Each structure stands twice: as structure tokens, then as C-alpha cells.
Amino acid sequence: MNFDEFLKSLSKIKNIPLPAETSHFKMVPPFRQKLLNQQQKAIKKAKHAGVLALFYPDSNQQTKFVLILRKTYKGVHSAQVAFPGGKLEAQDISLEVAALRETFEEVGVPIKTIEVVRKISQVYIPPSNFYVQPFVGIVKSTPKFVKQDDEVEAIIEVNLHHFLDDKSLVVKKVKTSYSSEVEVPAFKLNDHVVWGATAMMLSEIKDLIKQLV
């Protein structure tokens, strides 16, 4: 999709009700409800994080957004695909500020170039006990991405047209912290399988955009 056309459509997004769980449930792994039931006490003490779905024009003025592949490490989100973003730190006055700061740190997009369009529905992540607040943002020129080498394995630039195509929806077997191997609904984007909380957020973004175009 041409970025100018995308911007015209995106101007309407602030007035659209969020589909929230209706979208999230399309991408919910089969074990999610059991995890939530097991962690009711933990949920009350959940940590908070902000992430950013950042849209931009490529060199051909086609609309893309950026994801990151996390490094392999000893943790529940090792080697997973995610939005740029991270946990709320003491210096952050809001989750939006945290999302922007982490986006700059992880992929190098200057905060002053980013326009936050709106926040969308929060997602709870049981394995790490985080509530994540996603934001939708834009930059109006092609970013020069700079990867944070100690945390980011790769920067993934996803074409919006490919993402909106239902052919990007797949079912994959993945290893999880809850079960050794399960089938989960997922997106396949640039040969990467995106599942779990990030897929839930993407599902809501997809449903919002499809109402606009």
C-alpha cells in the first residue's frame, strides 16, 4: 500500500472502537487460559511495558512496519519476534515514553521523528508476568535503522500488503514455557513465525487497518 494512502486512512483510526479480545482470541494459543487461571495472584503484581508498532514508507513509498528478532538467551522470550519496546523504567513518565525510548535504543529511530497515533489494547504475557501496552506510530520518511547488537538479532521490515494478506496466517508447532511442543496460530512474516502476545497485538492492528482501507 502506498504510504500517502495509508496515512489518509490512518487519520481515521482514532475514532474507531478497539476490537480488543475479539482480535486477540484469533491468535490465542490453546494453553493461554490455563496460564491465566494459574497466575491470578501474579497478575496483580504484573510489571508493565510499552511497545511500538511503527509504520513508515520504504524507498518506493510502500508502507512497512518494523519488528525485531530477539537474541537467544536464557529467558522466556529468547529468539522470539516482537515489536520494539520494553519495560517501564524509573525515568519513564509513561508507557508511551518507555515505548519510544526502547524503540530508539533497539532500532535507532529518533524519538523526535515518531508520531504516536494511538494506543491499542493491552496484552498480558503470563510467562514473564508483564502487561504490555502497544502503541501505533508513524515516521514520514524512510528510517535508517541501527540495531542494538546486545539485544536484537535482526531487524525485520514487513510489507503491510503482505501482512494484511490472509495467507500470512499459519498454524505452527512451537516450544513454550508451558508445554514442550504445541500448535499455535501465528503470522508468517518474512519467513519468521510470529506467535503469542505479539501475534495478538498484530491481530488487533490488522483488524483496525482493514476497517480503514
N, C-alpha and C. Protein backbone atom coordinates (compact mmCIF):
# COMPACT_ATOMS: atom_id res chain seq x y z
N MET A 1 0.84 -1.20 0.00
CA MET A 1 0.00 0.00 0.00
C MET A 1 0.88 1.25 0.00
N ASN A 2 0.54 2.20 -0.86
CA ASN A 2 1.25 3.47 -0.90
C ASN A 2 1.14 4.18 0.45
N PHE A 3 2.25 4.76 0.90
CA PHE A 3 2.27 5.33 2.25
C PHE A 3 1.35 6.54 2.38
N ASP A 4 1.23 7.36 1.35
CA ASP A 4 0.32 8.51 1.41
C ASP A 4 -1.13 8.04 1.57
N GLU A 5 -1.49 6.98 0.87
CA GLU A 5 -2.83 6.42 1.01
C GLU A 5 -3.04 5.86 2.41
N PHE A 6 -1.99 5.22 2.92
CA PHE A 6 -2.06 4.67 4.28
C PHE A 6 -2.26 5.78 5.31
N LEU A 7 -1.55 6.88 5.14
CA LEU A 7 -1.70 8.00 6.08
C LEU A 7 -3.11 8.57 6.06
N LYS A 8 -3.70 8.68 4.89
CA LYS A 8 -5.07 9.20 4.79
C LYS A 8 -6.04 8.28 5.53
N SER A 9 -5.85 6.99 5.37
CA SER A 9 -6.70 6.02 6.06
C SER A 9 -6.44 6.05 7.57
N LEU A 10 -5.17 6.16 7.94
CA LEU A 10 -4.80 6.10 9.35
C LEU A 10 -5.35 7.28 10.15
N SER A 11 -5.63 8.38 9.46
CA SER A 11 -6.17 9.55 10.15
C SER A 11 -7.52 9.27 10.82
N LYS A 12 -8.18 8.19 10.38
CA LYS A 12 -9.49 7.83 10.93
C LYS A 12 -9.38 6.89 12.13
N ILE A 13 -8.19 6.42 12.43
CA ILE A 13 -8.05 5.34 13.38
C ILE A 13 -8.43 5.74 14.81
N LYS A 14 -8.27 7.02 15.13
CA LYS A 14 -8.55 7.46 16.50
C LYS A 14 -10.03 7.34 16.86
N ASN A 15 -10.89 7.30 15.86
CA ASN A 15 -12.33 7.27 16.11
C ASN A 15 -12.94 5.88 16.02
N ILE A 16 -12.10 4.87 15.82
CA ILE A 16 -12.61 3.51 15.67
C ILE A 16 -12.50 2.77 17.00
N PRO A 17 -13.59 2.13 17.46
CA PRO A 17 -13.51 1.33 18.69
C PRO A 17 -12.52 0.18 18.52
N LEU A 18 -11.79 -0.11 19.58
CA LEU A 18 -10.81 -1.18 19.51
C LEU A 18 -11.49 -2.54 19.57
N PRO A 19 -11.12 -3.46 18.68
CA PRO A 19 -11.71 -4.80 18.73
C PRO A 19 -11.22 -5.64 19.90
N ALA A 20 -10.07 -5.30 20.46
CA ALA A 20 -9.54 -5.91 21.68
C ALA A 20 -9.58 -7.43 21.64
N GLU A 21 -10.29 -8.05 22.61
CA GLU A 21 -10.25 -9.50 22.74
C GLU A 21 -10.80 -10.23 21.52
N THR A 22 -11.71 -9.59 20.79
CA THR A 22 -12.23 -10.20 19.57
C THR A 22 -11.09 -10.50 18.60
N SER A 23 -10.14 -9.57 18.51
CA SER A 23 -8.96 -9.79 17.68
C SER A 23 -7.95 -10.71 18.36
N HIS A 24 -7.73 -10.48 19.65
CA HIS A 24 -6.72 -11.25 20.37
C HIS A 24 -7.03 -12.75 20.34
N PHE A 25 -8.30 -13.11 20.52
CA PHE A 25 -8.66 -14.52 20.63
C PHE A 25 -8.40 -15.30 19.34
N LYS A 26 -8.29 -14.60 18.22
CA LYS A 26 -7.96 -15.28 16.96
C LYS A 26 -6.57 -15.90 17.00
N MET A 27 -5.70 -15.35 17.85
CA MET A 27 -4.31 -15.78 17.87
C MET A 27 -3.90 -16.35 19.23
N VAL A 28 -4.87 -16.75 20.03
CA VAL A 28 -4.57 -17.25 21.37
C VAL A 28 -4.13 -18.71 21.31
N PRO A 29 -2.97 -19.04 21.87
CA PRO A 29 -2.55 -20.44 21.96
C PRO A 29 -3.50 -21.22 22.86
N PRO A 30 -3.60 -22.53 22.68
CA PRO A 30 -4.58 -23.32 23.43
C PRO A 30 -4.34 -23.36 24.93
N PHE A 31 -3.13 -23.08 25.38
CA PHE A 31 -2.81 -23.16 26.80
C PHE A 31 -2.96 -21.84 27.53
N ARG A 32 -3.32 -20.75 26.79
CA ARG A 32 -3.30 -19.42 27.39
C ARG A 32 -4.26 -19.29 28.57
N GLN A 33 -5.48 -19.77 28.43
CA GLN A 33 -6.46 -19.60 29.50
C GLN A 33 -6.02 -20.32 30.77
N LYS A 34 -5.41 -21.49 30.60
CA LYS A 34 -4.92 -22.22 31.76
C LYS A 34 -3.82 -21.43 32.47
N LEU A 35 -2.94 -20.82 31.69
CA LEU A 35 -1.88 -19.99 32.29
C LEU A 35 -2.47 -18.82 33.07
N LEU A 36 -3.48 -18.18 32.49
CA LEU A 36 -4.12 -17.04 33.17
C LEU A 36 -4.76 -17.48 34.47
N ASN A 37 -5.42 -18.60 34.46
CA ASN A 37 -6.07 -19.11 35.67
C ASN A 37 -5.06 -19.44 36.75
N GLN A 38 -3.90 -19.91 36.34
CA GLN A 38 -2.86 -20.28 37.30
C GLN A 38 -2.16 -19.07 37.91
N GLN A 39 -2.26 -17.92 37.25
CA GLN A 39 -1.44 -16.78 37.66
C GLN A 39 -2.25 -15.58 38.12
N GLN A 40 -3.42 -15.80 38.68
CA GLN A 40 -4.25 -14.68 39.11
C GLN A 40 -3.56 -13.81 40.16
N LYS A 41 -2.84 -14.43 41.08
CA LYS A 41 -2.12 -13.65 42.10
C LYS A 41 -0.98 -12.87 41.47
N ALA A 42 -0.28 -13.51 40.54
CA ALA A 42 0.85 -12.85 39.89
C ALA A 42 0.39 -11.66 39.06
N ILE A 43 -0.79 -11.80 38.43
CA ILE A 43 -1.30 -10.73 37.57
C ILE A 43 -1.43 -9.41 38.34
N LYS A 44 -1.81 -9.51 39.61
CA LYS A 44 -2.00 -8.31 40.43
C LYS A 44 -0.70 -7.55 40.63
N LYS A 45 0.43 -8.26 40.48
CA LYS A 45 1.74 -7.64 40.66
C LYS A 45 2.52 -7.58 39.35
N ALA A 46 1.80 -7.61 38.24
CA ALA A 46 2.44 -7.64 36.94
C ALA A 46 3.29 -6.38 36.70
N LYS A 47 4.38 -6.57 35.99
CA LYS A 47 5.20 -5.45 35.54
C LYS A 47 4.58 -4.86 34.28
N HIS A 48 5.04 -3.69 33.89
CA HIS A 48 4.45 -3.01 32.74
C HIS A 48 5.52 -2.67 31.70
N ALA A 49 5.09 -2.73 30.44
CA ALA A 49 5.99 -2.42 29.33
C ALA A 49 5.21 -1.73 28.23
N GLY A 50 5.92 -1.01 27.39
CA GLY A 50 5.32 -0.35 26.23
C GLY A 50 6.05 -0.78 24.97
N VAL A 51 5.29 -1.06 23.91
CA VAL A 51 5.90 -1.41 22.63
C VAL A 51 5.29 -0.55 21.53
N LEU A 52 5.96 -0.50 20.39
CA LEU A 52 5.54 0.39 19.32
C LEU A 52 5.43 -0.36 17.99
N ALA A 53 4.25 -0.26 17.38
CA ALA A 53 4.06 -0.72 16.00
C ALA A 53 4.33 0.49 15.12
N LEU A 54 5.51 0.54 14.54
CA LEU A 54 5.98 1.72 13.82
C LEU A 54 5.88 1.51 12.32
N PHE A 55 5.06 2.34 11.67
CA PHE A 55 4.84 2.28 10.22
C PHE A 55 5.63 3.39 9.54
N TYR A 56 6.08 3.11 8.31
CA TYR A 56 6.93 4.06 7.60
C TYR A 56 6.93 3.74 6.11
N PRO A 57 7.36 4.68 5.28
CA PRO A 57 7.50 4.39 3.84
C PRO A 57 8.88 3.83 3.54
N ASP A 58 8.92 2.84 2.63
CA ASP A 58 10.24 2.39 2.17
C ASP A 58 10.70 3.28 1.02
N SER A 59 11.77 2.92 0.36
CA SER A 59 12.32 3.78 -0.70
C SER A 59 11.39 3.89 -1.90
N ASN A 60 10.45 2.98 -2.02
CA ASN A 60 9.46 3.03 -3.11
C ASN A 60 8.12 3.59 -2.66
N GLN A 61 8.11 4.18 -1.45
CA GLN A 61 6.90 4.77 -0.87
C GLN A 61 5.81 3.74 -0.57
N GLN A 62 6.22 2.49 -0.37
CA GLN A 62 5.30 1.47 0.07
C GLN A 62 5.34 1.37 1.60
N THR A 63 4.21 1.05 2.20
CA THR A 63 4.11 1.05 3.66
C THR A 63 4.68 -0.22 4.26
N LYS A 64 5.53 -0.03 5.27
CA LYS A 64 6.09 -1.14 6.02
C LYS A 64 6.00 -0.85 7.52
N PHE A 65 6.19 -1.90 8.31
CA PHE A 65 6.37 -1.70 9.75
C PHE A 65 7.52 -2.58 10.21
N VAL A 66 8.05 -2.28 11.41
CA VAL A 66 9.27 -2.94 11.85
C VAL A 66 8.99 -3.86 13.04
N LEU A 67 9.60 -5.03 12.98
CA LEU A 67 9.65 -5.97 14.09
C LEU A 67 11.11 -6.27 14.39
N ILE A 68 11.36 -6.89 15.53
CA ILE A 68 12.73 -7.30 15.86
C ILE A 68 12.75 -8.77 16.21
N LEU A 69 13.87 -9.42 15.91
CA LEU A 69 14.14 -10.77 16.36
C LEU A 69 15.07 -10.65 17.56
N ARG A 70 14.60 -11.13 18.69
CA ARG A 70 15.40 -11.02 19.91
C ARG A 70 16.56 -12.02 19.90
N LYS A 71 17.61 -11.67 20.61
CA LYS A 71 18.76 -12.55 20.74
C LYS A 71 18.37 -13.84 21.47
N THR A 72 19.13 -14.88 21.27
CA THR A 72 18.98 -16.12 22.02
C THR A 72 19.63 -15.93 23.39
N TYR A 73 18.86 -16.18 24.43
CA TYR A 73 19.37 -16.00 25.79
C TYR A 73 18.58 -16.91 26.73
N LYS A 74 18.96 -16.96 27.98
CA LYS A 74 18.26 -17.79 28.96
C LYS A 74 17.05 -17.01 29.51
N GLY A 75 15.96 -17.06 28.78
CA GLY A 75 14.76 -16.35 29.17
C GLY A 75 13.57 -16.81 28.36
N VAL A 76 12.37 -16.44 28.81
CA VAL A 76 11.15 -16.96 28.18
C VAL A 76 10.90 -16.38 26.79
N HIS A 77 11.50 -15.24 26.47
CA HIS A 77 11.27 -14.63 25.17
C HIS A 77 12.48 -14.74 24.24
N SER A 78 13.35 -15.68 24.54
CA SER A 78 14.55 -15.91 23.74
C SER A 78 14.20 -16.21 22.29
N ALA A 79 14.90 -15.54 21.36
CA ALA A 79 14.80 -15.81 19.92
C ALA A 79 13.38 -15.64 19.37
N GLN A 80 12.58 -14.81 20.01
CA GLN A 80 11.22 -14.56 19.52
C GLN A 80 11.16 -13.25 18.74
N VAL A 81 10.16 -13.15 17.89
CA VAL A 81 9.91 -11.92 17.14
C VAL A 81 8.97 -11.04 17.95
N ALA A 82 9.26 -9.75 18.00
CA ALA A 82 8.48 -8.83 18.83
C ALA A 82 8.48 -7.44 18.20
N PHE A 83 7.63 -6.58 18.74
CA PHE A 83 7.73 -5.16 18.43
C PHE A 83 8.89 -4.57 19.21
N PRO A 84 9.52 -3.52 18.70
CA PRO A 84 10.48 -2.80 19.54
C PRO A 84 9.76 -2.22 20.75
N GLY A 85 10.44 -2.23 21.88
CA GLY A 85 9.84 -1.73 23.11
C GLY A 85 10.43 -2.44 24.30
N GLY A 86 9.93 -2.09 25.49
CA GLY A 86 10.47 -2.72 26.69
C GLY A 86 9.80 -2.22 27.94
N LYS A 87 10.34 -2.64 29.07
CA LYS A 87 9.69 -2.39 30.35
C LYS A 87 9.78 -0.92 30.77
N LEU A 88 8.81 -0.54 31.58
CA LEU A 88 8.77 0.81 32.14
C LEU A 88 9.91 0.96 33.14
N GLU A 89 10.76 1.94 32.89
CA GLU A 89 11.89 2.22 33.78
C GLU A 89 11.57 3.43 34.67
N ALA A 90 12.38 3.60 35.70
CA ALA A 90 12.13 4.68 36.68
C ALA A 90 12.11 6.05 36.02
N GLN A 91 12.90 6.24 34.97
CA GLN A 91 12.97 7.56 34.33
C GLN A 91 11.83 7.82 33.36
N ASP A 92 11.02 6.80 33.07
CA ASP A 92 9.93 6.96 32.10
C ASP A 92 8.69 7.52 32.79
N ILE A 93 8.15 8.59 32.24
CA ILE A 93 6.96 9.20 32.85
C ILE A 93 5.67 8.54 32.39
N SER A 94 5.77 7.67 31.38
CA SER A 94 4.58 6.98 30.87
C SER A 94 5.02 5.76 30.07
N LEU A 95 4.07 4.89 29.77
CA LEU A 95 4.36 3.73 28.93
C LEU A 95 4.67 4.15 27.50
N GLU A 96 4.06 5.24 27.05
CA GLU A 96 4.37 5.76 25.72
C GLU A 96 5.83 6.19 25.65
N VAL A 97 6.30 6.86 26.67
CA VAL A 97 7.71 7.28 26.72
C VAL A 97 8.62 6.06 26.72
N ALA A 98 8.24 5.03 27.48
CA ALA A 98 9.04 3.81 27.52
C ALA A 98 9.12 3.16 26.14
N ALA A 99 7.99 3.11 25.44
CA ALA A 99 7.96 2.51 24.10
C ALA A 99 8.85 3.28 23.13
N LEU A 100 8.79 4.60 23.18
CA LEU A 100 9.60 5.42 22.29
C LEU A 100 11.09 5.30 22.63
N ARG A 101 11.40 5.34 23.91
CA ARG A 101 12.81 5.22 24.33
C ARG A 101 13.39 3.89 23.88
N GLU A 102 12.66 2.82 24.13
CA GLU A 102 13.16 1.49 23.77
C GLU A 102 13.25 1.31 22.25
N THR A 103 12.33 1.93 21.52
CA THR A 103 12.39 1.86 20.06
C THR A 103 13.67 2.51 19.55
N PHE A 104 14.00 3.65 20.12
CA PHE A 104 15.25 4.31 19.74
C PHE A 104 16.45 3.44 20.10
N GLU A 105 16.42 2.86 21.31
CA GLU A 105 17.56 2.05 21.74
C GLU A 105 17.72 0.79 20.89
N GLU A 106 16.60 0.16 20.53
CA GLU A 106 16.67 -1.14 19.86
C GLU A 106 16.85 -1.05 18.35
N VAL A 107 16.21 -0.05 17.71
CA VAL A 107 16.31 0.02 16.24
C VAL A 107 16.80 1.38 15.74
N GLY A 108 17.07 2.32 16.65
CA GLY A 108 17.75 3.55 16.27
C GLY A 108 16.91 4.64 15.65
N VAL A 109 15.58 4.56 15.74
CA VAL A 109 14.72 5.61 15.17
C VAL A 109 14.61 6.76 16.17
N PRO A 110 15.05 7.97 15.80
CA PRO A 110 15.00 9.10 16.74
C PRO A 110 13.57 9.38 17.22
N ILE A 111 13.42 9.60 18.51
CA ILE A 111 12.11 9.82 19.12
C ILE A 111 11.40 11.01 18.49
N LYS A 112 12.15 12.06 18.19
CA LYS A 112 11.52 13.28 17.67
C LYS A 112 10.90 13.10 16.29
N THR A 113 11.27 12.02 15.59
CA THR A 113 10.72 11.78 14.25
C THR A 113 9.43 10.95 14.29
N ILE A 114 9.10 10.42 15.46
CA ILE A 114 7.97 9.50 15.59
C ILE A 114 6.72 10.23 16.04
N GLU A 115 5.62 9.98 15.34
CA GLU A 115 4.30 10.48 15.76
C GLU A 115 3.48 9.31 16.25
N VAL A 116 3.08 9.34 17.52
CA VAL A 116 2.24 8.29 18.07
C VAL A 116 0.79 8.59 17.70
N VAL A 117 0.14 7.66 17.03
CA VAL A 117 -1.22 7.86 16.54
C VAL A 117 -2.25 7.51 17.61
N ARG A 118 -2.10 6.37 18.24
CA ARG A 118 -2.98 5.99 19.35
C ARG A 118 -2.44 4.74 20.03
N LYS A 119 -2.91 4.51 21.25
CA LYS A 119 -2.62 3.24 21.91
C LYS A 119 -3.74 2.27 21.59
N ILE A 120 -3.40 0.98 21.62
CA ILE A 120 -4.41 -0.06 21.39
C ILE A 120 -4.51 -0.91 22.66
N SER A 121 -5.14 -2.06 22.56
CA SER A 121 -5.47 -2.84 23.76
C SER A 121 -4.24 -3.51 24.38
N GLN A 122 -4.18 -3.47 25.71
CA GLN A 122 -3.09 -4.13 26.43
C GLN A 122 -3.19 -5.64 26.28
N VAL A 123 -2.04 -6.28 26.39
CA VAL A 123 -1.96 -7.74 26.37
C VAL A 123 -1.15 -8.19 27.57
N TYR A 124 -1.67 -9.20 28.28
CA TYR A 124 -0.94 -9.77 29.41
C TYR A 124 -0.13 -10.96 28.92
N ILE A 125 1.13 -11.04 29.39
CA ILE A 125 2.04 -12.12 28.99
C ILE A 125 2.33 -12.98 30.23
N PRO A 126 1.69 -14.14 30.36
CA PRO A 126 1.85 -14.96 31.56
C PRO A 126 3.29 -15.41 31.87
N PRO A 127 4.07 -15.91 30.90
CA PRO A 127 5.39 -16.44 31.26
C PRO A 127 6.30 -15.43 31.94
N SER A 128 6.22 -14.16 31.53
CA SER A 128 7.09 -13.14 32.12
C SER A 128 6.34 -12.20 33.07
N ASN A 129 5.03 -12.40 33.22
CA ASN A 129 4.20 -11.59 34.11
C ASN A 129 4.30 -10.09 33.78
N PHE A 130 4.05 -9.78 32.52
CA PHE A 130 4.06 -8.39 32.04
C PHE A 130 2.71 -8.04 31.43
N TYR A 131 2.25 -6.82 31.73
CA TYR A 131 1.20 -6.20 30.94
C TYR A 131 1.88 -5.31 29.92
N VAL A 132 1.59 -5.53 28.66
CA VAL A 132 2.23 -4.76 27.59
C VAL A 132 1.22 -3.84 26.94
N GLN A 133 1.58 -2.56 26.86
CA GLN A 133 0.74 -1.56 26.22
C GLN A 133 1.32 -1.25 24.84
N PRO A 134 0.62 -1.64 23.77
CA PRO A 134 1.10 -1.32 22.42
C PRO A 134 0.61 0.07 21.98
N PHE A 135 1.44 0.72 21.19
CA PHE A 135 1.10 1.99 20.55
C PHE A 135 1.31 1.85 19.05
N VAL A 136 0.52 2.58 18.28
CA VAL A 136 0.69 2.65 16.83
C VAL A 136 1.33 3.99 16.51
N GLY A 137 2.43 3.97 15.76
CA GLY A 137 3.11 5.21 15.44
C GLY A 137 3.58 5.23 13.99
N ILE A 138 3.98 6.39 13.54
CA ILE A 138 4.47 6.55 12.17
C ILE A 138 5.73 7.42 12.15
N VAL A 139 6.54 7.19 11.15
CA VAL A 139 7.57 8.16 10.74
C VAL A 139 7.33 8.40 9.26
N LYS A 140 7.47 9.65 8.82
CA LYS A 140 7.05 10.01 7.46
C LYS A 140 8.16 9.92 6.43
N SER A 141 9.33 9.47 6.86
CA SER A 141 10.41 9.23 5.90
C SER A 141 11.04 7.88 6.22
N THR A 142 11.79 7.33 5.28
CA THR A 142 12.37 6.01 5.46
C THR A 142 13.42 6.04 6.57
N PRO A 143 13.23 5.27 7.63
CA PRO A 143 14.21 5.30 8.74
C PRO A 143 15.54 4.66 8.36
N LYS A 144 16.58 5.10 9.01
CA LYS A 144 17.87 4.43 8.92
C LYS A 144 18.03 3.63 10.21
N PHE A 145 17.68 2.35 10.14
CA PHE A 145 17.68 1.53 11.33
C PHE A 145 19.10 1.23 11.80
N VAL A 146 19.26 1.24 13.12
CA VAL A 146 20.53 0.89 13.75
C VAL A 146 20.21 -0.14 14.82
N LYS A 147 20.71 -1.35 14.64
CA LYS A 147 20.38 -2.46 15.53
C LYS A 147 21.16 -2.39 16.84
N GLN A 148 20.46 -2.63 17.95
CA GLN A 148 21.11 -2.73 19.25
C GLN A 148 21.70 -4.14 19.37
N ASP A 149 22.98 -4.26 19.18
CA ASP A 149 23.59 -5.57 18.98
C ASP A 149 23.46 -6.51 20.18
N ASP A 150 23.43 -5.97 21.39
CA ASP A 150 23.40 -6.88 22.54
C ASP A 150 22.02 -7.47 22.82
N GLU A 151 20.95 -6.89 22.22
CA GLU A 151 19.61 -7.40 22.48
C GLU A 151 18.87 -7.85 21.22
N VAL A 152 19.25 -7.31 20.07
CA VAL A 152 18.50 -7.55 18.83
C VAL A 152 19.34 -8.36 17.86
N GLU A 153 18.80 -9.51 17.46
CA GLU A 153 19.48 -10.36 16.50
C GLU A 153 19.30 -9.83 15.08
N ALA A 154 18.08 -9.36 14.77
CA ALA A 154 17.80 -8.87 13.42
C ALA A 154 16.63 -7.89 13.45
N ILE A 155 16.66 -6.96 12.51
CA ILE A 155 15.55 -6.05 12.27
C ILE A 155 14.74 -6.59 11.10
N ILE A 156 13.44 -6.68 11.29
CA ILE A 156 12.55 -7.29 10.29
C ILE A 156 11.61 -6.22 9.75
N GLU A 157 11.73 -5.91 8.47
CA GLU A 157 10.88 -4.91 7.83
C GLU A 157 9.76 -5.61 7.07
N VAL A 158 8.53 -5.43 7.52
CA VAL A 158 7.39 -6.17 6.99
C VAL A 158 6.55 -5.29 6.08
N ASN A 159 6.29 -5.78 4.88
CA ASN A 159 5.42 -5.06 3.95
C ASN A 159 3.98 -5.16 4.41
N LEU A 160 3.28 -4.02 4.51
CA LEU A 160 1.91 -4.01 5.01
C LEU A 160 0.99 -4.87 4.16
N HIS A 161 1.16 -4.83 2.86
CA HIS A 161 0.31 -5.62 1.96
C HIS A 161 0.44 -7.11 2.27
N HIS A 162 1.66 -7.56 2.49
CA HIS A 162 1.90 -8.97 2.82
C HIS A 162 1.24 -9.33 4.15
N PHE A 163 1.37 -8.46 5.13
CA PHE A 163 0.79 -8.69 6.45
C PHE A 163 -0.73 -8.81 6.39
N LEU A 164 -1.37 -7.96 5.59
CA LEU A 164 -2.84 -7.96 5.52
C LEU A 164 -3.38 -9.15 4.74
N ASP A 165 -2.56 -9.79 3.96
CA ASP A 165 -2.97 -10.96 3.19
C ASP A 165 -3.20 -12.13 4.16
N ASP A 166 -4.37 -12.75 4.09
CA ASP A 166 -4.68 -13.86 5.00
C ASP A 166 -3.76 -15.06 4.80
N LYS A 167 -3.01 -15.08 3.72
CA LYS A 167 -2.05 -16.16 3.51
C LYS A 167 -0.90 -16.10 4.52
N SER A 168 -0.77 -14.95 5.20
CA SER A 168 0.27 -14.84 6.22
C SER A 168 -0.12 -15.55 7.52
N LEU A 169 -1.37 -15.98 7.63
CA LEU A 169 -1.84 -16.70 8.82
C LEU A 169 -1.49 -18.18 8.69
N VAL A 170 -0.87 -18.72 9.73
CA VAL A 170 -0.44 -20.11 9.72
C VAL A 170 -0.69 -20.75 11.09
N VAL A 171 -0.52 -22.04 11.15
CA VAL A 171 -0.50 -22.77 12.42
C VAL A 171 0.85 -23.46 12.50
N LYS A 172 1.55 -23.23 13.60
CA LYS A 172 2.89 -23.79 13.75
C LYS A 172 3.04 -24.50 15.09
N LYS A 173 3.91 -25.50 15.11
CA LYS A 173 4.29 -26.12 16.37
C LYS A 173 5.47 -25.36 16.96
N VAL A 174 5.34 -24.95 18.22
CA VAL A 174 6.42 -24.20 18.86
C VAL A 174 6.66 -24.77 20.25
N LYS A 175 7.87 -24.56 20.74
CA LYS A 175 8.19 -24.91 22.12
C LYS A 175 7.85 -23.73 23.02
N THR A 176 7.21 -24.00 24.13
CA THR A 176 6.79 -22.93 25.04
C THR A 176 7.26 -23.24 26.45
N SER A 177 7.10 -22.24 27.32
CA SER A 177 7.45 -22.43 28.73
C SER A 177 6.42 -23.30 29.43
N TYR A 178 5.25 -23.45 28.82
CA TYR A 178 4.16 -24.21 29.43
C TYR A 178 4.16 -25.67 28.97
N SER A 179 4.47 -25.90 27.72
CA SER A 179 4.42 -27.24 27.15
C SER A 179 5.61 -27.42 26.21
N SER A 180 6.07 -28.66 26.06
CA SER A 180 7.26 -28.88 25.24
C SER A 180 7.03 -28.52 23.78
N GLU A 181 5.84 -28.84 23.26
CA GLU A 181 5.54 -28.50 21.87
C GLU A 181 4.03 -28.46 21.67
N VAL A 182 3.52 -27.35 21.15
CA VAL A 182 2.08 -27.21 20.91
C VAL A 182 1.86 -26.51 19.57
N GLU A 183 0.67 -26.68 19.03
CA GLU A 183 0.29 -25.96 17.82
C GLU A 183 -0.33 -24.63 18.22
N VAL A 184 0.10 -23.56 17.59
CA VAL A 184 -0.41 -22.24 17.90
C VAL A 184 -0.74 -21.49 16.60
N PRO A 185 -1.77 -20.62 16.63
CA PRO A 185 -2.00 -19.74 15.49
C PRO A 185 -0.89 -18.70 15.43
N ALA A 186 -0.49 -18.32 14.25
CA ALA A 186 0.66 -17.42 14.10
C ALA A 186 0.59 -16.68 12.77
N PHE A 187 1.43 -15.67 12.66
CA PHE A 187 1.68 -15.00 11.38
C PHE A 187 3.05 -15.46 10.88
N LYS A 188 3.14 -15.68 9.58
CA LYS A 188 4.46 -15.92 8.98
C LYS A 188 4.82 -14.69 8.17
N LEU A 189 5.81 -13.96 8.65
CA LEU A 189 6.19 -12.68 8.06
C LEU A 189 7.69 -12.69 7.78
N ASN A 190 8.06 -12.51 6.52
CA ASN A 190 9.47 -12.52 6.12
C ASN A 190 10.17 -13.80 6.60
N ASP A 191 9.45 -14.91 6.49
CA ASP A 191 9.98 -16.23 6.88
C ASP A 191 10.18 -16.39 8.38
N HIS A 192 9.64 -15.48 9.17
CA HIS A 192 9.67 -15.59 10.63
C HIS A 192 8.27 -15.93 11.13
N VAL A 193 8.19 -16.82 12.10
CA VAL A 193 6.90 -17.16 12.70
C VAL A 193 6.68 -16.27 13.92
N VAL A 194 5.56 -15.55 13.91
CA VAL A 194 5.24 -14.61 14.99
C VAL A 194 4.01 -15.13 15.70
N TRP A 195 4.14 -15.43 16.98
CA TRP A 195 3.04 -16.02 17.73
C TRP A 195 2.95 -15.38 19.12
N GLY A 196 1.98 -15.86 19.90
CA GLY A 196 1.86 -15.37 21.27
C GLY A 196 1.37 -13.93 21.34
N ALA A 197 1.88 -13.18 22.31
CA ALA A 197 1.40 -11.83 22.58
C ALA A 197 1.58 -10.90 21.38
N THR A 198 2.71 -11.02 20.68
CA THR A 198 2.94 -10.15 19.52
C THR A 198 1.92 -10.44 18.43
N ALA A 199 1.60 -11.71 18.22
CA ALA A 199 0.58 -12.07 17.23
C ALA A 199 -0.79 -11.52 17.64
N MET A 200 -1.09 -11.51 18.92
CA MET A 200 -2.36 -10.96 19.40
C MET A 200 -2.45 -9.47 19.10
N MET A 201 -1.36 -8.75 19.36
CA MET A 201 -1.34 -7.32 19.05
C MET A 201 -1.46 -7.09 17.55
N LEU A 202 -0.73 -7.87 16.78
CA LEU A 202 -0.80 -7.75 15.32
C LEU A 202 -2.21 -8.01 14.81
N SER A 203 -2.91 -8.95 15.42
CA SER A 203 -4.26 -9.27 15.00
C SER A 203 -5.19 -8.07 15.19
N GLU A 204 -5.03 -7.36 16.29
CA GLU A 204 -5.86 -6.17 16.51
C GLU A 204 -5.51 -5.07 15.50
N ILE A 205 -4.22 -4.90 15.25
CA ILE A 205 -3.80 -3.90 14.27
C ILE A 205 -4.34 -4.24 12.89
N LYS A 206 -4.27 -5.50 12.53
CA LYS A 206 -4.79 -5.94 11.24
C LYS A 206 -6.29 -5.64 11.11
N ASP A 207 -7.05 -5.98 12.15
CA ASP A 207 -8.49 -5.74 12.11
C ASP A 207 -8.83 -4.25 12.05
N LEU A 208 -8.03 -3.43 12.74
CA LEU A 208 -8.25 -1.97 12.67
C LEU A 208 -7.98 -1.45 11.26
N ILE A 209 -6.84 -1.85 10.69
CA ILE A 209 -6.47 -1.33 9.38
C ILE A 209 -7.47 -1.78 8.31
N LYS A 210 -7.96 -3.00 8.43
CA LYS A 210 -8.91 -3.49 7.43
C LYS A 210 -10.24 -2.75 7.48
N GLN A 211 -10.52 -2.10 8.60
CA GLN A 211 -11.70 -1.24 8.66
C GLN A 211 -11.46 0.09 7.95
N LEU A 212 -10.19 0.45 7.78
CA LEU A 212 -9.86 1.75 7.22
C LEU A 212 -9.68 1.71 5.71
N VAL A 213 -9.23 0.57 5.18
CA VAL A 213 -8.86 0.51 3.74
C VAL A 213 -9.93 -0.18 2.92
